[in-house]
């Protein structure tokens, strides 16, 4: 059974979706590939206390890696990409090609990009840490401005 809650963040409201009490979605307002609201289930602001606490600590600069339980719905390839995203250290970036190499398929950078774009739990599964092979910002479901702000925040150069 899915339920959701909405929290404020420095990047606008975040919708957190739970599947039987486990975080399965974290979406920004206006995010590309955001599922329809009706798929989030009923709103319950008592949900996902640990996820809310970890997000608050992250936005305070106190948390570098999320440990909250996740239930990631996707293909096996998508889930393998999302696991690679979770391995990118706070404040660092990797290219799509780096991720494809880590998966043992150096020619899969486009497929990695598509899986990255379908990440259902942004921020906690840090798809914002993926950049082009030349270090340039590339697509981000939450918008390039938010991606730049998240990267600046993690590097300690953000202005709120």
N, C-alpha and C. Protein backbone atom coordinates (compact mmCIF):
# COMPACT_ATOMS: atom_id res chain seq x y z
N UNK A 1 0.84 -1.18 0.00
CA UNK A 1 0.00 0.00 0.00
C UNK A 1 0.89 1.25 0.00
N UNK A 2 0.61 2.15 -0.88
CA UNK A 2 1.40 3.38 -0.97
C UNK A 2 0.71 4.51 -0.21
N UNK A 3 1.56 5.33 0.42
CA UNK A 3 1.15 6.55 1.08
C UNK A 3 2.25 7.58 0.85
N UNK A 4 1.94 8.84 1.10
CA UNK A 4 2.97 9.85 0.89
C UNK A 4 2.88 10.96 1.92
N UNK A 5 3.94 11.74 1.95
CA UNK A 5 4.00 12.94 2.76
C UNK A 5 4.78 13.98 1.95
N UNK A 6 4.67 15.23 2.34
CA UNK A 6 5.39 16.31 1.66
C UNK A 6 6.16 17.09 2.71
N UNK A 7 7.43 17.36 2.42
CA UNK A 7 8.26 18.15 3.33
C UNK A 7 8.85 19.34 2.58
N UNK A 8 9.21 20.35 3.32
CA UNK A 8 9.90 21.50 2.73
C UNK A 8 11.40 21.20 2.68
N UNK A 9 12.06 21.79 1.71
CA UNK A 9 13.52 21.66 1.59
C UNK A 9 14.06 22.94 0.96
N UNK A 10 15.36 23.14 0.99
CA UNK A 10 15.94 24.29 0.32
C UNK A 10 15.74 24.26 -1.20
N UNK A 11 15.27 23.13 -1.73
CA UNK A 11 15.08 22.96 -3.17
C UNK A 11 13.61 22.89 -3.53
N UNK A 12 12.77 23.32 -2.61
CA UNK A 12 11.33 23.30 -2.82
C UNK A 12 10.72 22.08 -2.14
N UNK A 13 9.40 21.96 -2.22
CA UNK A 13 8.73 20.83 -1.58
C UNK A 13 9.20 19.50 -2.15
N UNK A 14 9.36 18.52 -1.28
CA UNK A 14 9.72 17.16 -1.68
C UNK A 14 8.58 16.23 -1.29
N UNK A 15 8.16 15.40 -2.23
CA UNK A 15 7.14 14.39 -1.95
C UNK A 15 7.84 13.08 -1.70
N UNK A 16 7.62 12.53 -0.52
CA UNK A 16 8.19 11.24 -0.14
C UNK A 16 7.08 10.21 -0.22
N UNK A 17 7.33 9.13 -0.92
CA UNK A 17 6.33 8.08 -1.11
C UNK A 17 6.81 6.81 -0.42
N UNK A 18 5.89 6.19 0.31
CA UNK A 18 6.19 4.95 1.01
C UNK A 18 5.40 3.80 0.41
N UNK A 19 6.06 2.65 0.32
CA UNK A 19 5.41 1.40 -0.09
C UNK A 19 5.47 0.50 1.14
N UNK A 20 4.33 0.30 1.77
CA UNK A 20 4.27 -0.45 3.04
C UNK A 20 5.26 0.10 4.06
N UNK A 21 5.35 1.43 4.15
CA UNK A 21 6.18 2.08 5.14
C UNK A 21 7.63 2.26 4.76
N UNK A 22 8.05 1.80 3.59
CA UNK A 22 9.44 1.89 3.15
C UNK A 22 9.54 2.92 2.02
N UNK A 23 10.52 3.80 2.10
CA UNK A 23 10.70 4.86 1.10
C UNK A 23 10.92 4.25 -0.28
N UNK A 24 10.05 4.62 -1.22
CA UNK A 24 10.18 4.12 -2.60
C UNK A 24 10.17 5.27 -3.60
N UNK A 25 9.92 6.49 -3.14
CA UNK A 25 9.90 7.64 -4.04
C UNK A 25 10.25 8.91 -3.31
N UNK A 26 11.02 9.77 -3.96
CA UNK A 26 11.34 11.09 -3.44
C UNK A 26 11.39 12.01 -4.65
N UNK A 27 10.38 12.87 -4.75
CA UNK A 27 10.21 13.65 -5.98
C UNK A 27 10.16 15.15 -5.69
N UNK A 28 10.77 15.91 -6.57
CA UNK A 28 10.73 17.37 -6.52
C UNK A 28 9.54 17.88 -7.32
N UNK A 29 9.11 19.07 -7.01
CA UNK A 29 8.06 19.71 -7.78
C UNK A 29 8.55 19.92 -9.21
N UNK A 30 7.72 19.58 -10.18
CA UNK A 30 8.08 19.79 -11.58
C UNK A 30 9.11 18.82 -12.11
N UNK A 31 9.38 17.76 -11.38
CA UNK A 31 10.40 16.80 -11.80
C UNK A 31 9.95 16.01 -13.02
N UNK A 32 10.86 15.83 -13.96
CA UNK A 32 10.61 14.98 -15.12
C UNK A 32 10.47 13.55 -14.63
N UNK A 33 9.61 12.79 -15.23
CA UNK A 33 9.33 11.39 -14.87
C UNK A 33 8.69 11.25 -13.49
N UNK A 34 8.12 12.33 -12.99
CA UNK A 34 7.40 12.26 -11.71
C UNK A 34 6.09 11.52 -11.97
N UNK A 35 5.82 10.48 -11.20
CA UNK A 35 4.55 9.77 -11.40
C UNK A 35 3.35 10.66 -11.08
N UNK A 36 2.19 10.30 -11.57
CA UNK A 36 0.99 11.10 -11.25
C UNK A 36 0.69 11.07 -9.75
N UNK A 37 0.20 12.18 -9.24
CA UNK A 37 -0.10 12.32 -7.81
C UNK A 37 -0.98 11.19 -7.29
N UNK A 38 -1.94 10.76 -8.09
CA UNK A 38 -2.87 9.73 -7.62
C UNK A 38 -2.17 8.39 -7.36
N UNK A 39 -0.97 8.20 -7.89
CA UNK A 39 -0.24 6.95 -7.66
C UNK A 39 0.49 6.96 -6.32
N UNK A 40 0.52 8.11 -5.62
CA UNK A 40 1.24 8.23 -4.36
C UNK A 40 0.43 7.72 -3.17
N UNK A 41 -0.85 7.47 -3.34
CA UNK A 41 -1.68 7.03 -2.23
C UNK A 41 -2.08 8.19 -1.34
N UNK A 42 -2.69 7.86 -0.23
CA UNK A 42 -3.16 8.88 0.71
C UNK A 42 -2.00 9.61 1.37
N UNK A 43 -2.26 10.85 1.76
CA UNK A 43 -1.24 11.62 2.46
C UNK A 43 -1.30 11.30 3.95
N UNK A 44 -0.13 11.07 4.52
CA UNK A 44 0.00 10.81 5.95
C UNK A 44 1.31 11.42 6.40
N UNK A 45 1.22 12.55 7.10
CA UNK A 45 2.43 13.28 7.49
C UNK A 45 3.17 12.65 8.66
N UNK A 46 2.66 11.53 9.18
CA UNK A 46 3.38 10.82 10.24
C UNK A 46 4.33 9.77 9.67
N UNK A 47 4.32 9.60 8.37
CA UNK A 47 5.14 8.59 7.69
C UNK A 47 6.61 8.95 7.63
N UNK A 48 7.42 7.95 7.46
CA UNK A 48 8.83 8.07 7.04
C UNK A 48 9.67 8.97 7.94
N UNK A 49 9.52 8.79 9.24
CA UNK A 49 10.27 9.61 10.20
C UNK A 49 11.77 9.55 9.99
N UNK A 50 12.31 8.36 9.77
CA UNK A 50 13.76 8.23 9.58
C UNK A 50 14.22 8.94 8.31
N UNK A 51 13.44 8.82 7.24
CA UNK A 51 13.79 9.50 5.99
C UNK A 51 13.76 11.01 6.18
N UNK A 52 12.76 11.51 6.87
CA UNK A 52 12.67 12.95 7.14
C UNK A 52 13.86 13.43 7.96
N UNK A 53 14.22 12.64 8.98
CA UNK A 53 15.36 13.01 9.83
C UNK A 53 16.65 13.03 9.02
N UNK A 54 16.85 12.03 8.17
CA UNK A 54 18.07 11.98 7.38
C UNK A 54 18.12 13.11 6.36
N UNK A 55 16.98 13.43 5.75
CA UNK A 55 16.96 14.56 4.81
C UNK A 55 17.27 15.86 5.53
N UNK A 56 16.70 16.06 6.71
CA UNK A 56 16.99 17.28 7.48
C UNK A 56 18.48 17.36 7.81
N UNK A 57 19.07 16.25 8.22
CA UNK A 57 20.50 16.23 8.53
C UNK A 57 21.34 16.49 7.27
N UNK A 58 20.92 15.93 6.15
CA UNK A 58 21.62 16.17 4.88
C UNK A 58 21.60 17.67 4.55
N UNK A 59 20.42 18.29 4.63
CA UNK A 59 20.30 19.71 4.28
C UNK A 59 21.03 20.61 5.28
N UNK A 60 21.30 20.11 6.48
CA UNK A 60 22.10 20.85 7.46
C UNK A 60 23.59 20.62 7.24
N UNK A 61 23.94 19.75 6.29
CA UNK A 61 25.34 19.45 6.02
C UNK A 61 25.94 18.44 6.99
N UNK A 62 25.09 17.77 7.77
CA UNK A 62 25.56 16.83 8.79
C UNK A 62 25.57 15.38 8.31
N UNK A 63 24.87 15.07 7.23
CA UNK A 63 24.76 13.69 6.75
C UNK A 63 25.36 13.61 5.35
N UNK A 64 26.26 12.66 5.16
CA UNK A 64 26.93 12.50 3.87
C UNK A 64 26.43 11.31 3.07
N UNK A 65 25.81 10.33 3.74
CA UNK A 65 25.31 9.14 3.06
C UNK A 65 24.01 8.70 3.73
N UNK A 66 23.02 8.41 2.94
CA UNK A 66 21.72 7.98 3.45
C UNK A 66 21.76 6.48 3.76
N UNK A 67 21.18 6.13 4.89
CA UNK A 67 21.10 4.73 5.30
C UNK A 67 19.67 4.25 5.44
N UNK A 68 18.72 5.12 5.19
CA UNK A 68 17.31 4.75 5.31
C UNK A 68 16.99 3.61 4.34
N UNK A 69 16.12 2.71 4.78
CA UNK A 69 15.73 1.59 3.94
C UNK A 69 15.00 2.10 2.70
N UNK A 70 15.32 1.52 1.55
CA UNK A 70 14.69 1.91 0.28
C UNK A 70 14.06 0.69 -0.36
N UNK A 71 12.99 0.93 -1.08
CA UNK A 71 12.38 -0.10 -1.93
C UNK A 71 12.34 0.50 -3.33
N UNK A 72 13.33 0.16 -4.13
CA UNK A 72 13.48 0.74 -5.46
C UNK A 72 12.82 -0.16 -6.50
N UNK A 73 11.79 0.36 -7.14
CA UNK A 73 11.08 -0.39 -8.17
C UNK A 73 11.65 -0.03 -9.54
N UNK A 74 12.16 -1.02 -10.25
CA UNK A 74 12.73 -0.81 -11.58
C UNK A 74 13.25 -2.13 -12.11
N UNK A 75 13.80 -2.07 -13.31
CA UNK A 75 14.38 -3.27 -13.90
C UNK A 75 15.67 -3.62 -13.15
N UNK A 76 16.17 -4.80 -13.39
CA UNK A 76 17.42 -5.19 -12.72
C UNK A 76 18.57 -4.27 -13.15
N UNK A 77 18.58 -3.86 -14.43
CA UNK A 77 19.63 -2.95 -14.89
C UNK A 77 19.50 -1.60 -14.18
N UNK A 78 18.28 -1.06 -14.10
CA UNK A 78 18.08 0.21 -13.42
C UNK A 78 18.55 0.12 -11.97
N UNK A 79 18.17 -0.93 -11.29
CA UNK A 79 18.57 -1.08 -9.89
C UNK A 79 20.09 -1.17 -9.75
N UNK A 80 20.75 -1.81 -10.71
CA UNK A 80 22.22 -1.89 -10.64
C UNK A 80 22.84 -0.51 -10.84
N UNK A 81 22.26 0.30 -11.72
CA UNK A 81 22.74 1.67 -11.91
C UNK A 81 22.51 2.47 -10.63
N UNK A 82 21.34 2.35 -10.04
CA UNK A 82 21.03 3.10 -8.82
C UNK A 82 21.94 2.70 -7.67
N UNK A 83 22.34 1.44 -7.62
CA UNK A 83 23.32 1.03 -6.60
C UNK A 83 24.66 1.69 -6.86
N UNK A 84 25.05 1.83 -8.12
CA UNK A 84 26.30 2.53 -8.44
C UNK A 84 26.21 4.01 -8.03
N UNK A 85 25.05 4.61 -8.19
CA UNK A 85 24.87 6.00 -7.78
C UNK A 85 25.12 6.15 -6.28
N UNK A 86 24.63 5.20 -5.51
CA UNK A 86 24.77 5.25 -4.06
C UNK A 86 26.24 5.13 -3.64
N UNK A 87 27.08 4.62 -4.51
CA UNK A 87 28.50 4.45 -4.21
C UNK A 87 29.32 5.71 -4.52
N UNK A 88 28.72 6.71 -5.16
CA UNK A 88 29.45 7.95 -5.47
C UNK A 88 29.56 8.76 -4.18
N UNK A 89 30.77 9.04 -3.73
CA UNK A 89 30.92 9.77 -2.47
C UNK A 89 30.33 11.18 -2.52
N UNK A 90 29.87 11.61 -1.38
CA UNK A 90 29.35 12.97 -1.17
C UNK A 90 30.37 13.99 -1.68
N UNK A 91 29.88 14.95 -2.44
CA UNK A 91 30.75 16.01 -2.94
C UNK A 91 31.54 15.67 -4.18
N UNK A 92 31.42 14.43 -4.67
CA UNK A 92 32.14 14.02 -5.86
C UNK A 92 31.15 13.75 -7.00
N UNK A 93 31.70 13.62 -8.20
CA UNK A 93 30.88 13.29 -9.36
C UNK A 93 31.53 12.14 -10.12
N UNK A 94 30.71 11.52 -10.95
CA UNK A 94 31.15 10.49 -11.88
C UNK A 94 30.45 10.74 -13.20
N UNK A 95 31.05 10.27 -14.27
CA UNK A 95 30.41 10.40 -15.58
C UNK A 95 29.56 9.16 -15.85
N UNK A 96 28.70 9.28 -16.84
CA UNK A 96 27.90 8.13 -17.26
C UNK A 96 28.82 6.99 -17.70
N UNK A 97 29.90 7.33 -18.38
CA UNK A 97 30.87 6.33 -18.80
C UNK A 97 31.54 5.65 -17.62
N UNK A 98 31.85 6.41 -16.56
CA UNK A 98 32.43 5.81 -15.36
C UNK A 98 31.48 4.76 -14.78
N UNK A 99 30.21 5.09 -14.75
CA UNK A 99 29.23 4.15 -14.20
C UNK A 99 29.10 2.92 -15.09
N UNK A 100 29.10 3.13 -16.40
CA UNK A 100 29.02 2.00 -17.33
C UNK A 100 30.24 1.08 -17.14
N UNK A 101 31.42 1.68 -16.99
CA UNK A 101 32.64 0.90 -16.73
C UNK A 101 32.50 0.09 -15.44
N UNK A 102 31.98 0.74 -14.39
CA UNK A 102 31.83 0.07 -13.10
C UNK A 102 30.87 -1.11 -13.19
N UNK A 103 29.93 -1.02 -14.12
CA UNK A 103 28.96 -2.10 -14.33
C UNK A 103 29.52 -3.19 -15.25
N UNK A 104 30.72 -2.97 -15.76
CA UNK A 104 31.34 -3.96 -16.64
C UNK A 104 30.88 -3.88 -18.07
N UNK A 105 30.27 -2.77 -18.46
CA UNK A 105 29.79 -2.61 -19.83
C UNK A 105 30.08 -1.19 -20.30
N UNK A 106 31.33 -0.91 -20.71
CA UNK A 106 31.74 0.45 -21.05
C UNK A 106 30.93 1.09 -22.17
N UNK A 107 30.22 0.30 -22.95
CA UNK A 107 29.43 0.86 -24.06
C UNK A 107 28.01 1.21 -23.65
N UNK A 108 27.69 1.08 -22.38
CA UNK A 108 26.32 1.27 -21.90
C UNK A 108 26.06 2.66 -21.31
N UNK A 109 26.87 3.65 -21.66
CA UNK A 109 26.70 4.95 -21.02
C UNK A 109 25.32 5.57 -21.31
N UNK A 110 24.78 5.36 -22.50
CA UNK A 110 23.43 5.88 -22.79
C UNK A 110 22.38 5.19 -21.94
N UNK A 111 22.48 3.88 -21.83
CA UNK A 111 21.54 3.12 -21.00
C UNK A 111 21.66 3.54 -19.54
N UNK A 112 22.88 3.81 -19.10
CA UNK A 112 23.09 4.30 -17.74
C UNK A 112 22.39 5.65 -17.58
N UNK A 113 22.51 6.52 -18.57
CA UNK A 113 21.85 7.82 -18.51
C UNK A 113 20.34 7.69 -18.41
N UNK A 114 19.77 6.77 -19.18
CA UNK A 114 18.32 6.57 -19.12
C UNK A 114 17.90 6.04 -17.76
N UNK A 115 18.65 5.10 -17.21
CA UNK A 115 18.33 4.57 -15.88
C UNK A 115 18.50 5.65 -14.82
N UNK A 116 19.53 6.45 -14.95
CA UNK A 116 19.78 7.55 -14.02
C UNK A 116 18.58 8.50 -14.00
N UNK A 117 18.05 8.80 -15.18
CA UNK A 117 16.90 9.70 -15.29
C UNK A 117 15.62 9.15 -14.69
N UNK A 118 15.56 7.84 -14.52
CA UNK A 118 14.37 7.20 -13.95
C UNK A 118 14.52 6.90 -12.45
N UNK A 119 15.57 7.39 -11.84
CA UNK A 119 15.80 7.19 -10.41
C UNK A 119 14.58 7.67 -9.63
N UNK A 120 13.92 6.79 -8.86
CA UNK A 120 12.72 7.19 -8.15
C UNK A 120 12.98 7.87 -6.80
N UNK A 121 14.22 7.87 -6.34
CA UNK A 121 14.51 8.41 -5.01
C UNK A 121 15.68 9.39 -5.12
N UNK A 122 15.40 10.53 -5.76
CA UNK A 122 16.42 11.54 -5.92
C UNK A 122 16.98 11.98 -4.57
N UNK A 123 18.12 12.58 -4.58
CA UNK A 123 18.89 13.05 -3.42
C UNK A 123 19.43 11.87 -2.62
N UNK A 124 18.57 11.01 -2.08
CA UNK A 124 19.04 9.86 -1.31
C UNK A 124 19.81 8.88 -2.19
N UNK A 125 19.38 8.72 -3.42
CA UNK A 125 20.12 7.98 -4.45
C UNK A 125 20.62 9.09 -5.37
N UNK A 126 21.86 9.53 -5.18
CA UNK A 126 22.34 10.81 -5.70
C UNK A 126 22.62 10.87 -7.21
N UNK A 127 21.56 10.86 -7.99
CA UNK A 127 21.71 10.97 -9.44
C UNK A 127 22.25 12.34 -9.85
N UNK A 128 22.16 13.32 -8.96
CA UNK A 128 22.70 14.65 -9.26
C UNK A 128 24.23 14.64 -9.34
N UNK A 129 24.87 13.58 -8.87
CA UNK A 129 26.33 13.49 -8.90
C UNK A 129 26.88 12.95 -10.21
N UNK A 130 26.02 12.76 -11.20
CA UNK A 130 26.47 12.24 -12.49
C UNK A 130 26.53 13.40 -13.49
N UNK A 131 27.68 13.49 -14.16
CA UNK A 131 27.94 14.58 -15.11
C UNK A 131 28.40 14.00 -16.44
N UNK A 132 28.52 14.85 -17.44
CA UNK A 132 29.03 14.43 -18.74
C UNK A 132 30.50 14.05 -18.65
N UNK A 133 30.99 13.39 -19.69
CA UNK A 133 32.38 12.91 -19.69
C UNK A 133 33.39 14.05 -19.58
N UNK A 134 32.97 15.26 -19.99
CA UNK A 134 33.86 16.42 -19.89
C UNK A 134 33.63 17.22 -18.60
N UNK A 135 32.81 16.67 -17.70
CA UNK A 135 32.52 17.35 -16.43
C UNK A 135 31.36 18.32 -16.50
N UNK A 136 30.75 18.45 -17.68
CA UNK A 136 29.65 19.40 -17.82
C UNK A 136 28.37 18.85 -17.22
N UNK A 137 27.50 19.78 -16.82
CA UNK A 137 26.19 19.37 -16.33
C UNK A 137 25.38 18.85 -17.49
N UNK A 138 24.72 17.75 -17.24
CA UNK A 138 23.84 17.16 -18.24
C UNK A 138 22.47 17.01 -17.60
N UNK A 139 21.54 16.44 -18.31
CA UNK A 139 20.17 16.35 -17.85
C UNK A 139 20.00 15.94 -16.40
N UNK A 140 18.98 16.50 -15.77
CA UNK A 140 18.62 16.18 -14.40
C UNK A 140 17.12 16.35 -14.28
N UNK A 141 16.45 15.32 -13.77
CA UNK A 141 14.99 15.34 -13.67
C UNK A 141 14.45 16.52 -12.90
N UNK A 142 15.22 17.03 -11.94
CA UNK A 142 14.80 18.17 -11.14
C UNK A 142 15.20 19.50 -11.75
N UNK A 143 15.85 19.47 -12.91
CA UNK A 143 16.30 20.70 -13.57
C UNK A 143 17.77 20.96 -13.30
N UNK A 144 18.45 21.51 -14.30
CA UNK A 144 19.89 21.75 -14.18
C UNK A 144 20.23 22.75 -13.07
N UNK A 145 19.36 23.72 -12.83
CA UNK A 145 19.63 24.69 -11.76
C UNK A 145 19.67 23.99 -10.40
N UNK A 146 18.72 23.10 -10.15
CA UNK A 146 18.73 22.35 -8.89
C UNK A 146 19.96 21.44 -8.81
N UNK A 147 20.29 20.81 -9.92
CA UNK A 147 21.48 19.94 -9.93
C UNK A 147 22.71 20.74 -9.54
N UNK A 148 22.89 21.91 -10.14
CA UNK A 148 24.05 22.74 -9.82
C UNK A 148 24.02 23.15 -8.36
N UNK A 149 22.85 23.51 -7.85
CA UNK A 149 22.74 23.90 -6.44
C UNK A 149 23.10 22.75 -5.51
N UNK A 150 22.64 21.53 -5.83
CA UNK A 150 22.98 20.36 -5.00
C UNK A 150 24.48 20.09 -5.02
N UNK A 151 25.08 20.15 -6.20
CA UNK A 151 26.52 19.93 -6.30
C UNK A 151 27.30 21.01 -5.55
N UNK A 152 26.88 22.27 -5.69
CA UNK A 152 27.54 23.36 -4.97
C UNK A 152 27.40 23.17 -3.46
N UNK A 153 26.20 22.76 -3.03
CA UNK A 153 25.96 22.52 -1.61
C UNK A 153 26.92 21.47 -1.08
N UNK A 154 27.04 20.36 -1.79
CA UNK A 154 27.91 19.27 -1.33
C UNK A 154 29.38 19.65 -1.36
N UNK A 155 29.73 20.55 -2.23
CA UNK A 155 31.13 21.00 -2.31
C UNK A 155 31.42 22.15 -1.35
N UNK A 156 30.37 22.61 -0.65
CA UNK A 156 30.53 23.69 0.30
C UNK A 156 30.59 25.06 -0.32
N UNK A 157 30.10 25.18 -1.55
CA UNK A 157 30.13 26.47 -2.23
C UNK A 157 28.74 27.05 -2.49
N UNK A 158 27.73 26.47 -1.86
CA UNK A 158 26.34 26.90 -2.10
C UNK A 158 26.02 28.20 -1.39
N UNK A 159 25.19 28.96 -2.02
CA UNK A 159 24.64 30.18 -1.42
C UNK A 159 23.13 30.00 -1.30
N UNK A 160 22.63 29.96 -0.09
CA UNK A 160 21.17 29.81 0.09
C UNK A 160 20.54 31.16 0.24
